[in-house]
Amino acid sequence: MAVACARVIEWIEGLAPKRLAEDWDNVGLQVGDPAHPVEKIYVALDVDERVVQSAAEQGCQMIVSHHPLFFKPMKTIRYDQPQGRLIRAIVKANLQVYSAHTNLDSARGGVNDILAQRLGLEAIEPLFDDKQEELVKIVVFVPANHEAVVRRAMGDAGAGHIGNYSHCAFGSAGRGTFLPLAGTTPFIGVQGVLEEVEEVRLETIVSQKGLNRVLKAMLKAHPYEEAAYDLYPLLNRGDKTGLGRVGRLPAPEPLEAVAERIKTKLHVARVRWTGADKGRMVEKIAVCGGSGASAIARAQFKGAQVLVTGDIKYHEAQTAELLGIDLIDAGHFATERPVLEALAAYLEERAAKEKTTVQVIVHPQSQDPFTDL
């Protein structure tokens, strides 16, 4: 049994909610129709011509990528240019493309959790914990026979996240009264007559960042012209999460052994590292998949002796030396690639739980654009 693309998106955002994405990022459905039926999902780091061709040849209807198809707005789509040709190929193949980028980086079970686990770290915690957002309780009064529709719309928009649970809400029955005045078109009742209606007080929580999105979804689903709702700022906060992870090895190891561990676990031929003392004993390690130079100071602050990441530049390495933290650059590709199997397994699990026949394929030709000599 196929499912709508929108349902697959709900699965993905159950793992990596869009609210975890950085402000500059472009996550979500990049191309396609949320209503399009999906039987096969193709998982890849990037969306390029090889990925699109392979997904189409294998009969997939949807590509789920880590890196977004669009980072910057496009003013033109020209078929004589690479990006335009790629978009044309996607549309011709009737593929839906969804990208989970920095939200998957920060998510529990995402890029950095998988990387830390792959390296054998223990006592893993977020490197950055800036995603502990302020929470707001939203209370809305809904006709009893529309409560489920409004509750689902709010949950799908991101309300009700508590730990590893989503769509958390509470409803209590009551009676609402209102008097439709001139110029109204009431869903229930008539102008000039006081109405008394069986209603539900529906309440849930939402992050401050996601409040507008949830309000829009609620108002769209609510049957009344003028929905009655209240917003309550909360003193409690959401779970801490963010980019990167920090953890400990089961036992201290020399820096050179840590580098060898990373080569073995990430299946790379070489890594670059800073630090003149190869025998320096290392126990606490920070990781930041992809390009993680911005995490150097934070890793040092959190007490890490080594930061494992990719895309390190010359002056960034000098900064690390000044701070007294060693760097191991295993490459952008190698530090993100492990999440693909984890994401595919998660999607397969969700598909099986809902008794669908959806299949998930991991792009087998994913490879680092760099070749070592």
Protein backbone atom coordinates (compact mmCIF):
# COMPACT_ATOMS: atom_id res chain seq x y z
CA MET A 1 0.00 0.00 0.00
CA ALA A 2 1.38 3.37 -1.02
CA VAL A 3 1.20 6.44 1.20
CA ALA A 4 0.97 10.12 0.37
CA CYS A 5 4.21 12.08 0.19
CA ALA A 6 2.81 14.21 3.04
CA ARG A 7 2.72 11.13 5.26
CA VAL A 8 6.38 10.37 4.54
CA ILE A 9 7.15 13.98 5.45
CA GLU A 10 5.38 13.44 8.78
CA TRP A 11 7.60 10.42 9.40
CA ILE A 12 10.76 12.40 8.64
CA GLU A 13 9.73 15.33 10.78
CA GLY A 14 8.90 12.94 13.60
CA LEU A 15 12.63 12.24 13.68
CA ALA A 16 13.93 15.65 12.61
CA PRO A 17 11.34 18.38 13.25
CA LYS A 18 11.71 21.45 11.06
CA ARG A 19 11.88 23.58 14.20
CA LEU A 20 15.42 22.23 14.76
CA ALA A 21 16.70 23.70 11.50
CA GLU A 22 19.02 26.71 11.57
CA ASP A 23 17.46 30.00 10.45
CA TRP A 24 19.59 30.17 7.28
CA ASP A 25 18.71 26.65 6.17
CA ASN A 26 16.16 25.50 3.59
CA VAL A 27 14.61 22.25 4.74
CA GLY A 28 11.37 20.58 3.73
CA LEU A 29 9.72 19.67 0.44
CA GLN A 30 11.89 21.16 -2.31
CA VAL A 31 9.99 19.86 -5.35
CA GLY A 32 6.78 17.90 -5.72
CA ASP A 33 3.22 17.34 -4.59
CA PRO A 34 2.42 16.44 -0.96
CA ALA A 35 -0.51 14.34 -2.19
CA HIS A 36 1.57 12.24 -4.60
CA PRO A 37 1.49 8.50 -3.74
CA VAL A 38 4.82 7.03 -2.67
CA GLU A 39 5.81 3.36 -2.81
CA LYS A 40 9.60 3.69 -2.99
CA ILE A 41 11.84 6.23 -1.24
CA TYR A 42 15.41 6.95 -2.34
CA VAL A 43 17.77 8.20 0.40
CA ALA A 44 20.91 10.14 -0.54
CA LEU A 45 23.26 12.80 0.83
CA ASP A 46 22.89 15.04 -2.21
CA VAL A 47 20.49 15.51 -5.11
CA ASP A 48 22.47 15.34 -8.34
CA GLU A 49 21.90 13.90 -11.81
CA ARG A 50 23.21 10.46 -10.80
CA VAL A 51 20.84 10.30 -7.85
CA VAL A 52 17.85 11.42 -9.91
CA GLN A 53 18.62 8.94 -12.68
CA SER A 54 19.11 6.06 -10.25
CA ALA A 55 15.95 6.90 -8.30
CA ALA A 56 13.91 7.03 -11.50
CA GLU A 57 15.39 3.78 -12.84
CA GLN A 58 14.48 1.98 -9.62
CA GLY A 59 10.89 3.19 -9.73
CA CYS A 60 11.09 5.57 -6.79
CA GLN A 61 8.59 8.36 -6.35
CA MET A 62 10.45 10.32 -3.67
CA ILE A 63 14.02 11.34 -2.88
CA VAL A 64 14.96 12.17 0.71
CA SER A 65 18.28 14.03 0.81
CA HIS A 66 20.40 15.51 3.56
CA HIS A 67 21.69 18.51 1.63
CA PRO A 68 18.94 20.77 0.26
CA LEU A 69 18.36 21.03 -3.47
CA PHE A 70 17.96 24.80 -3.09
CA PHE A 71 20.13 26.89 -0.76
CA LYS A 72 19.51 30.22 -2.47
CA PRO A 73 16.41 31.45 -4.34
CA MET A 74 16.54 30.89 -8.09
CA LYS A 75 15.52 33.71 -10.43
CA THR A 76 15.64 31.59 -13.58
CA ILE A 77 15.49 27.91 -14.50
CA ARG A 78 17.57 27.40 -17.63
CA TYR A 79 17.95 23.98 -19.18
CA ASP A 80 21.36 24.90 -20.62
CA GLN A 81 22.72 25.17 -17.06
CA PRO A 82 23.37 22.31 -14.60
CA GLN A 83 20.82 23.31 -11.95
CA GLY A 84 18.12 23.88 -14.54
CA ARG A 85 18.79 20.50 -16.17
CA LEU A 86 18.61 18.84 -12.77
CA ILE A 87 15.25 20.43 -11.97
CA ARG A 88 13.91 19.42 -15.38
CA ALA A 89 15.03 15.82 -14.81
CA ILE A 90 13.31 15.76 -11.41
CA VAL A 91 10.05 17.08 -12.83
CA LYS A 92 10.15 14.76 -15.87
CA ALA A 93 10.65 11.77 -13.58
CA ASN A 94 7.76 12.97 -11.37
CA LEU A 95 9.97 12.77 -8.29
CA GLN A 96 9.19 14.45 -4.99
CA VAL A 97 12.31 15.82 -3.27
CA TYR A 98 12.48 16.42 0.48
CA SER A 99 15.59 17.64 2.33
CA ALA A 100 16.39 17.31 6.04
CA HIS A 101 19.60 19.21 6.73
CA THR A 102 20.48 21.02 9.95
CA ASN A 103 17.31 19.67 11.58
CA LEU A 104 18.71 16.17 10.98
CA ASP A 105 22.11 17.35 12.26
CA SER A 106 20.58 18.43 15.59
CA ALA A 107 17.95 15.70 15.96
CA ARG A 108 18.21 12.80 18.35
CA GLY A 109 19.14 9.85 16.18
CA GLY A 110 20.39 12.22 13.50
CA VAL A 111 23.75 12.92 11.87
CA ASN A 112 25.76 13.70 15.00
CA ASP A 113 24.22 11.07 17.25
CA ILE A 114 24.95 8.40 14.63
CA LEU A 115 28.50 9.71 14.13
CA ALA A 116 29.20 9.68 17.88
CA GLN A 117 27.78 6.17 18.21
CA ARG A 118 29.77 4.95 15.20
CA LEU A 119 32.97 6.14 16.88
CA GLY A 120 32.06 4.26 20.05
CA LEU A 121 31.49 7.26 22.30
CA GLU A 122 29.54 6.97 25.54
CA ALA A 123 27.67 9.50 27.72
CA ILE A 124 26.76 11.40 24.55
CA GLU A 125 25.18 14.84 24.89
CA PRO A 126 24.61 17.84 22.60
CA LEU A 127 27.66 19.99 21.90
CA PHE A 128 25.44 23.03 21.42
CA ASP A 129 22.23 23.12 23.47
CA ASP A 130 20.76 26.29 22.01
CA LYS A 131 17.66 24.45 20.82
CA GLN A 132 16.07 24.43 24.26
CA GLU A 133 13.35 26.74 23.10
CA GLU A 134 10.78 28.71 25.04
CA LEU A 135 7.42 26.99 25.18
CA VAL A 136 3.92 28.39 24.83
CA LYS A 137 0.69 26.69 25.82
CA ILE A 138 -2.03 27.22 23.25
CA VAL A 139 -5.66 26.70 24.29
CA VAL A 140 -8.41 26.73 21.69
CA PHE A 141 -12.13 26.12 22.02
CA VAL A 142 -13.54 23.84 19.34
CA PRO A 143 -16.95 22.31 18.57
CA ALA A 144 -16.85 18.76 19.89
CA ASN A 145 -17.29 17.17 16.47
CA HIS A 146 -14.28 19.09 15.05
CA GLU A 147 -11.86 18.53 17.92
CA ALA A 148 -9.97 15.66 16.25
CA VAL A 149 -9.44 17.60 13.01
CA VAL A 150 -8.07 20.69 14.77
CA ARG A 151 -5.92 18.61 17.14
CA ARG A 152 -4.35 16.69 14.24
CA ALA A 153 -3.69 19.90 12.28
CA MET A 154 -1.90 21.46 15.23
CA GLY A 155 0.14 18.33 15.89
CA ASP A 156 1.12 18.00 12.24
CA ALA A 157 2.30 21.62 12.33
CA GLY A 158 4.66 20.88 15.22
CA ALA A 159 2.60 21.31 18.39
CA GLY A 160 2.68 18.83 21.23
CA HIS A 161 6.35 17.78 21.23
CA ILE A 162 7.38 16.44 24.65
CA GLY A 163 10.62 14.46 24.63
CA ASN A 164 10.30 11.61 22.15
CA TYR A 165 6.53 12.08 21.84
CA SER A 166 4.65 14.22 19.35
CA HIS A 167 0.99 15.30 19.01
CA CYS A 168 0.58 15.54 22.82
CA ALA A 169 -2.64 17.36 23.74
CA PHE A 170 -5.46 17.41 26.28
CA GLY A 171 -9.16 18.07 25.78
CA SER A 172 -11.89 18.78 28.30
CA ALA A 173 -15.58 19.10 27.49
CA GLY A 174 -17.63 22.18 28.25
CA ARG A 175 -20.20 24.60 26.86
CA GLY A 176 -19.42 27.74 24.88
CA THR A 177 -21.71 30.69 24.26
CA PHE A 178 -21.65 33.40 21.60
CA LEU A 179 -23.96 35.90 19.93
CA PRO A 180 -23.41 36.37 16.17
CA LEU A 181 -23.65 40.08 15.32
CA ALA A 182 -24.48 41.86 12.07
CA GLY A 183 -22.12 41.03 9.22
CA THR A 184 -21.22 37.57 10.50
CA THR A 185 -21.66 34.23 8.78
CA PRO A 186 -21.65 31.84 11.74
CA PHE A 187 -20.74 28.17 11.29
CA ILE A 188 -23.30 27.40 14.00
CA GLY A 189 -26.37 29.50 14.78
CA VAL A 190 -27.86 32.66 13.27
CA GLN A 191 -27.35 36.38 13.68
CA GLY A 192 -28.93 37.94 16.75
CA VAL A 193 -29.52 34.69 18.61
CA LEU A 194 -27.43 33.66 21.62
CA GLU A 195 -26.01 30.21 20.98
CA GLU A 196 -24.86 27.61 23.49
CA VAL A 197 -22.68 24.87 22.00
CA GLU A 198 -20.98 21.69 23.20
CA GLU A 199 -17.28 22.49 22.85
CA VAL A 200 -13.90 21.09 23.82
CA ARG A 201 -11.15 23.07 25.49
CA LEU A 202 -8.18 21.75 23.51
CA GLU A 203 -4.73 22.54 24.87
CA THR A 204 -1.22 21.67 23.80
CA ILE A 205 2.27 23.13 23.82
CA VAL A 206 4.40 24.56 21.05
CA SER A 207 7.84 26.13 20.83
CA GLN A 208 7.94 29.90 20.49
CA LYS A 209 9.69 29.43 17.15
CA GLY A 210 6.90 27.23 15.81
CA LEU A 211 3.99 29.21 17.24
CA ASN A 212 2.99 31.09 14.09
CA ARG A 213 3.02 27.90 12.02
CA VAL A 214 0.78 26.11 14.53
CA LEU A 215 -1.59 29.06 14.79
CA LYS A 216 -1.99 29.16 11.02
CA ALA A 217 -2.71 25.44 10.92
CA MET A 218 -5.21 25.72 13.78
CA LEU A 219 -7.07 28.64 12.23
CA LYS A 220 -7.21 26.90 8.87
CA ALA A 221 -8.69 23.74 10.38
CA HIS A 222 -11.05 25.50 12.80
CA PRO A 223 -14.63 25.76 11.49
CA TYR A 224 -15.46 29.08 13.16
CA GLU A 225 -15.09 32.50 11.53
CA GLU A 226 -13.52 33.77 14.75
CA ALA A 227 -11.74 31.06 16.70
CA ALA A 228 -11.40 31.71 20.44
CA TYR A 229 -7.92 30.83 21.69
CA ASP A 230 -5.47 31.81 24.43
CA LEU A 231 -1.66 31.80 24.53
CA TYR A 232 0.22 31.21 27.80
CA PRO A 233 4.02 31.69 28.00
CA LEU A 234 5.51 28.83 30.05
CA LEU A 235 8.39 28.84 32.51
CA ASN A 236 9.35 25.26 31.67
CA ARG A 237 11.54 24.69 28.62
CA GLY A 238 11.83 22.06 25.94
CA ASP A 239 14.51 19.38 25.81
CA LYS A 240 18.04 20.54 25.15
CA THR A 241 19.41 19.73 21.73
CA GLY A 242 21.50 21.34 19.04
CA LEU A 243 24.34 20.83 16.61
CA GLY A 244 27.23 18.48 17.39
CA ARG A 245 27.74 15.94 20.14
CA VAL A 246 30.31 15.37 22.85
CA GLY A 247 31.06 12.09 24.59
CA ARG A 248 33.74 9.87 26.05
CA LEU A 249 35.68 6.86 24.88
CA PRO A 250 35.29 3.73 27.06
CA ALA A 251 38.97 4.19 27.99
CA PRO A 252 41.58 6.84 27.12
CA GLU A 253 43.53 6.28 23.88
CA PRO A 254 46.54 7.98 22.29
CA LEU A 255 45.67 10.61 19.69
CA GLU A 256 47.16 8.47 16.91
CA ALA A 257 44.98 5.52 17.95
CA VAL A 258 41.91 7.77 17.91
CA ALA A 259 42.78 8.81 14.36
CA GLU A 260 43.11 5.14 13.37
CA ARG A 261 39.78 4.38 15.06
CA ILE A 262 38.11 7.08 12.97
CA LYS A 263 39.65 5.79 9.74
CA THR A 264 38.37 2.30 10.51
CA LYS A 265 34.89 3.26 11.72
CA LEU A 266 34.25 5.73 8.88
CA HIS A 267 35.92 3.63 6.17
CA VAL A 268 38.29 6.35 4.99
CA ALA A 269 41.82 5.94 3.65
CA ARG A 270 43.21 8.95 5.47
CA VAL A 271 42.40 11.68 7.97
CA ARG A 272 44.14 14.95 8.77
CA TRP A 273 44.82 15.92 12.34
CA THR A 274 46.39 18.75 14.29
CA GLY A 275 48.50 18.21 17.35
CA ALA A 276 52.22 17.51 17.53
CA ASP A 277 51.93 14.92 20.30
CA LYS A 278 50.64 11.69 18.71
CA GLY A 279 50.82 9.99 22.08
CA ARG A 280 48.60 12.50 23.86
CA MET A 281 45.91 10.55 25.73
CA VAL A 282 42.38 11.35 24.62
CA GLU A 283 39.12 10.49 26.35
CA LYS A 284 36.59 13.24 25.68
CA ILE A 285 35.74 13.81 22.02
CA ALA A 286 33.39 16.23 20.26
CA VAL A 287 31.93 15.53 16.84
CA CYS A 288 30.25 17.78 14.30
CA GLY A 289 29.35 16.11 11.02
CA GLY A 290 30.01 17.98 7.78
CA SER A 291 31.63 21.41 8.15
CA GLY A 292 32.24 21.92 11.85
CA ALA A 293 34.95 24.54 12.23
CA SER A 294 32.43 26.82 13.93
CA ALA A 295 32.31 24.26 16.76
CA ILE A 296 36.01 24.50 17.69
CA ALA A 297 35.63 26.99 20.53
CA ARG A 298 32.49 25.28 21.82
CA ALA A 299 34.20 21.89 21.85
CA GLN A 300 37.11 23.33 23.83
CA PHE A 301 34.67 24.99 26.24
CA LYS A 302 32.90 21.65 26.80
CA GLY A 303 36.21 20.05 27.75
CA ALA A 304 36.75 17.98 24.61
CA GLN A 305 40.36 17.15 23.80
CA VAL A 306 39.57 16.43 20.15
CA LEU A 307 36.97 17.65 17.65
CA VAL A 308 36.12 15.28 14.79
CA THR A 309 34.64 17.06 11.79
CA GLY A 310 35.35 18.00 8.16
CA ASP A 311 36.27 20.91 5.89
CA ILE A 312 38.88 22.40 8.24
CA LYS A 313 40.84 25.35 6.82
CA TYR A 314 44.38 26.48 7.62
CA HIS A 315 43.53 29.39 9.92
CA GLU A 316 40.84 27.37 11.69
CA ALA A 317 43.47 24.76 12.51
CA GLN A 318 45.68 27.53 13.91
CA THR A 319 42.81 28.71 16.11
CA ALA A 320 42.43 25.18 17.48
CA GLU A 321 46.14 25.07 18.31
CA LEU A 322 45.85 28.33 20.23
CA LEU A 323 42.89 26.91 22.18
CA GLY A 324 44.72 23.68 22.95
CA ILE A 325 42.25 21.35 21.26
CA ASP A 326 43.25 18.86 18.56
CA LEU A 327 41.28 18.45 15.34
CA ILE A 328 40.71 15.33 13.27
CA ASP A 329 39.39 16.17 9.81
CA ALA A 330 37.78 13.02 8.39
CA GLY A 331 36.01 14.89 5.61
CA HIS A 332 32.56 16.33 5.06
CA PHE A 333 31.27 13.24 3.28
CA ALA A 334 32.60 10.60 5.68
CA THR A 335 31.23 12.31 8.80
CA GLU A 336 27.71 12.55 7.33
CA ARG A 337 27.44 9.35 5.28
CA PRO A 338 26.64 7.04 8.27
CA VAL A 339 23.27 8.73 8.83
CA LEU A 340 21.87 7.41 5.54
CA GLU A 341 21.48 3.82 6.76
CA ALA A 342 20.02 5.05 10.05
CA LEU A 343 17.51 7.27 8.26
CA ALA A 344 16.55 4.45 5.90
CA ALA A 345 16.06 2.06 8.83
CA TYR A 346 13.88 4.62 10.60
CA LEU A 347 11.68 5.11 7.53
CA GLU A 348 11.38 1.35 7.04
CA GLU A 349 10.30 0.99 10.67
CA ARG A 350 7.65 3.69 10.32
CA ALA A 351 6.38 2.15 7.09
CA ALA A 352 6.13 -1.28 8.70
CA LYS A 353 4.31 0.08 11.76
CA GLU A 354 1.64 1.54 9.50
CA LYS A 355 1.45 -1.72 7.53
CA THR A 356 2.40 -0.12 4.23
CA THR A 357 4.44 -1.63 1.40
CA VAL A 358 6.75 1.38 1.16
CA GLN A 359 10.35 0.41 0.33
CA VAL A 360 13.45 2.45 1.14
CA ILE A 361 16.63 2.39 -0.98
CA VAL A 362 19.95 3.98 0.00
CA HIS A 363 21.87 5.46 -2.92
CA PRO A 364 24.65 2.87 -3.40
CA GLN A 365 27.01 5.14 -5.32
CA SER A 366 27.30 7.84 -2.66
CA GLN A 367 30.95 8.80 -2.66
CA ASP A 368 33.27 11.56 -1.59
CA PRO A 369 34.03 13.91 -4.50
CA PHE A 370 37.69 13.85 -3.39
CA THR A 371 40.07 11.00 -4.23
CA ASP A 372 43.15 10.26 -2.13
CA LEU A 373 46.48 9.44 -3.78
